Amino acid sequence: MRKTLYPLGAAFWCAGVILLCQTAATEELFLVKPYLQLGDAPALAKHESLILLWHTSGKTAAWSVEVRTAKDSNWRKMSEPQATTVSAPAGPPEVAGKNAAKKDGPGSPGIPRHLVYRASLTNLEPGQEFSYRVLREGRDVFSATGHARK
């Protein structure tokens, strides 16, 4: 009986290692996971839109975003995400106090070079929940739900 359990235990161990490796790989894709922003729409519209942003390393990839609302039977592909390169050098110590006296603390840390992706989520029903997912090279790497403003 011991011989029959060994292969089964090895199979579970291998499956666990594969799942852990996939989770770690997905987490490494994002410096900052996708998050929703209102954007610059000044007033409520018949069909709402939101902006989805996420931060990645400096390596470019084929990213896409899809949305599904209660009215959609299938996922709808959004316009292609646009990337902006972001970085900043470390700064001098902060200035504060009377006569611009310097604080004792260190300067601001630098921001390493990376990409910030931006995608518009459009044709959302005001106040309604929707699902969205981010794909990298055609593979679903992040999914969540959100609510359009009401």
Protein backbone atom coordinates (compact mmCIF):
# COMPACT_ATOMS: atom_id res chain seq x y z
CA MET A 1 0.00 0.00 0.00
CA ARG A 2 2.89 2.38 0.63
CA LYS A 3 4.01 2.14 -3.01
CA THR A 4 0.59 3.20 -4.30
CA LEU A 5 0.44 6.30 -2.06
CA TYR A 6 3.88 7.58 -3.07
CA PRO A 7 2.96 8.39 -6.71
CA LEU A 8 -0.27 10.02 -5.56
CA GLY A 9 1.59 12.17 -3.00
CA ALA A 10 4.17 13.15 -5.61
CA ALA A 11 1.38 14.19 -7.99
CA PHE A 12 -0.18 16.47 -5.34
CA TRP A 13 3.23 17.95 -4.52
CA CYS A 14 3.91 18.70 -8.21
CA ALA A 15 0.47 20.27 -8.65
CA GLY A 16 1.08 22.49 -5.61
CA VAL A 17 4.46 23.65 -6.93
CA ILE A 18 2.93 24.50 -10.32
CA LEU A 19 0.13 26.55 -8.70
CA LEU A 20 2.59 28.44 -6.50
CA CYS A 21 4.83 29.22 -9.47
CA GLN A 22 1.89 30.54 -11.49
CA THR A 23 0.72 32.77 -8.62
CA ALA A 24 4.22 34.20 -8.14
CA ALA A 25 4.57 34.84 -11.88
CA THR A 26 1.24 36.72 -11.96
CA GLU A 27 2.19 38.87 -8.95
CA GLU A 28 5.52 39.77 -10.58
CA LEU A 29 3.71 41.13 -13.66
CA PHE A 30 2.52 44.18 -11.73
CA LEU A 31 4.47 46.73 -9.74
CA VAL A 32 1.02 48.14 -8.88
CA LYS A 33 -2.04 45.97 -9.62
CA PRO A 34 -4.84 47.42 -11.79
CA TYR A 35 -7.00 50.11 -10.16
CA LEU A 36 -9.96 52.23 -11.33
CA GLN A 37 -10.07 56.03 -11.58
CA LEU A 38 -12.96 58.35 -12.46
CA GLY A 39 -11.08 60.10 -15.25
CA ASP A 40 -12.00 63.60 -16.38
CA ALA A 41 -15.72 63.26 -17.17
CA PRO A 42 -17.25 66.43 -15.59
CA ALA A 43 -20.85 65.16 -15.33
CA LEU A 44 -22.84 61.95 -15.27
CA ALA A 45 -23.56 60.63 -18.77
CA LYS A 46 -26.03 58.19 -20.31
CA HIS A 47 -23.13 55.73 -20.66
CA GLU A 48 -20.35 56.07 -18.14
CA SER A 49 -16.64 55.42 -18.50
CA LEU A 50 -13.79 54.81 -16.07
CA ILE A 51 -10.03 54.69 -16.45
CA LEU A 52 -8.09 51.55 -15.52
CA LEU A 53 -4.41 51.99 -14.65
CA TRP A 54 -1.63 49.57 -13.71
CA HIS A 55 2.15 49.73 -13.33
CA THR A 56 4.63 47.21 -14.74
CA SER A 57 8.37 46.90 -15.22
CA GLY A 58 9.93 48.59 -18.23
CA LYS A 59 9.33 45.56 -20.47
CA THR A 60 6.62 46.11 -23.08
CA ALA A 61 4.03 43.43 -23.77
CA ALA A 62 0.77 42.98 -25.66
CA TRP A 63 -1.80 44.07 -23.05
CA SER A 64 -5.57 44.24 -23.55
CA VAL A 65 -8.63 44.88 -21.40
CA GLU A 66 -12.13 43.42 -21.61
CA VAL A 67 -15.38 44.37 -19.85
CA ARG A 68 -18.66 42.56 -19.25
CA THR A 69 -21.83 44.16 -17.86
CA ALA A 70 -25.17 42.58 -16.96
CA LYS A 71 -26.36 43.35 -20.52
CA ASP A 72 -23.34 41.66 -22.17
CA SER A 73 -23.38 37.96 -22.92
CA ASN A 74 -19.69 38.03 -23.91
CA TRP A 75 -16.61 40.02 -22.95
CA ARG A 76 -16.20 43.31 -24.86
CA LYS A 77 -12.70 44.35 -25.84
CA MET A 78 -11.81 47.93 -24.90
CA SER A 79 -9.49 50.20 -26.88
CA GLU A 80 -5.80 49.30 -26.72
CA PRO A 81 -4.11 50.36 -23.45
CA GLN A 82 -1.55 53.16 -23.76
CA ALA A 83 1.74 53.06 -21.85
CA THR A 84 3.70 55.96 -20.39
CA THR A 85 7.25 55.64 -19.08
CA VAL A 86 7.64 57.04 -15.58
CA SER A 87 10.78 57.72 -13.49
CA ALA A 88 12.25 60.35 -11.18
CA PRO A 89 15.66 60.91 -9.62
CA ALA A 90 16.08 61.05 -5.86
CA GLY A 91 15.43 64.54 -4.52
CA PRO A 92 17.19 66.82 -2.05
CA PRO A 93 16.00 66.97 1.59
CA GLU A 94 12.53 68.44 2.00
CA VAL A 95 12.30 72.15 2.86
CA ALA A 96 9.98 73.30 5.64
CA GLY A 97 9.71 75.68 8.54
CA LYS A 98 10.71 79.25 9.14
CA ASN A 99 13.12 80.71 6.58
CA ALA A 100 12.93 77.45 4.59
CA ALA A 101 15.00 75.55 7.16
CA LYS A 102 15.80 72.00 6.02
CA LYS A 103 14.32 69.05 7.85
CA ASP A 104 16.59 66.45 9.40
CA GLY A 105 15.11 63.67 7.22
CA PRO A 106 16.59 62.30 4.03
CA GLY A 107 15.60 63.48 0.58
CA SER A 108 12.76 61.96 -1.37
CA PRO A 109 13.51 58.53 -2.84
CA GLY A 110 13.84 58.12 -6.58
CA ILE A 111 11.22 56.36 -8.69
CA PRO A 112 12.72 53.57 -10.81
CA ARG A 113 11.90 53.61 -14.52
CA HIS A 114 8.70 51.66 -15.23
CA LEU A 115 5.55 51.71 -17.38
CA VAL A 116 2.10 52.95 -16.37
CA TYR A 117 -0.66 51.55 -18.58
CA ARG A 118 -3.99 53.35 -19.06
CA ALA A 119 -7.16 51.90 -20.60
CA SER A 120 -10.65 53.41 -20.91
CA LEU A 121 -13.59 51.26 -19.82
CA THR A 122 -16.55 52.55 -21.83
CA ASN A 123 -20.31 52.03 -22.29
CA LEU A 124 -20.93 51.31 -18.61
CA GLU A 125 -24.43 51.69 -17.17
CA PRO A 126 -24.55 54.36 -14.42
CA GLY A 127 -24.58 52.78 -10.95
CA GLN A 128 -24.29 49.24 -12.29
CA GLU A 129 -21.70 46.63 -11.43
CA PHE A 130 -19.40 45.34 -14.18
CA SER A 131 -16.57 42.85 -14.48
CA TYR A 132 -13.25 43.60 -16.12
CA ARG A 133 -10.13 41.65 -16.88
CA VAL A 134 -6.61 42.46 -17.98
CA LEU A 135 -4.92 40.17 -20.48
CA ARG A 136 -1.22 39.92 -21.23
CA GLU A 137 -0.27 38.20 -24.47
CA GLY A 138 -3.90 36.97 -24.65
CA ARG A 139 -3.82 35.33 -21.19
CA ASP A 140 -6.07 36.54 -18.33
CA VAL A 141 -3.70 37.82 -15.60
CA PHE A 142 -6.07 39.98 -13.51
CA SER A 143 -9.84 40.23 -13.06
CA ALA A 144 -12.13 42.16 -10.74
CA THR A 145 -15.49 43.91 -10.52
CA GLY A 146 -16.33 47.58 -10.23
CA HIS A 147 -19.29 49.96 -10.18
CA ALA A 148 -19.90 52.80 -12.60
CA ARG A 149 -20.70 56.06 -10.84
CA LYS A 150 -24.37 56.93 -10.40
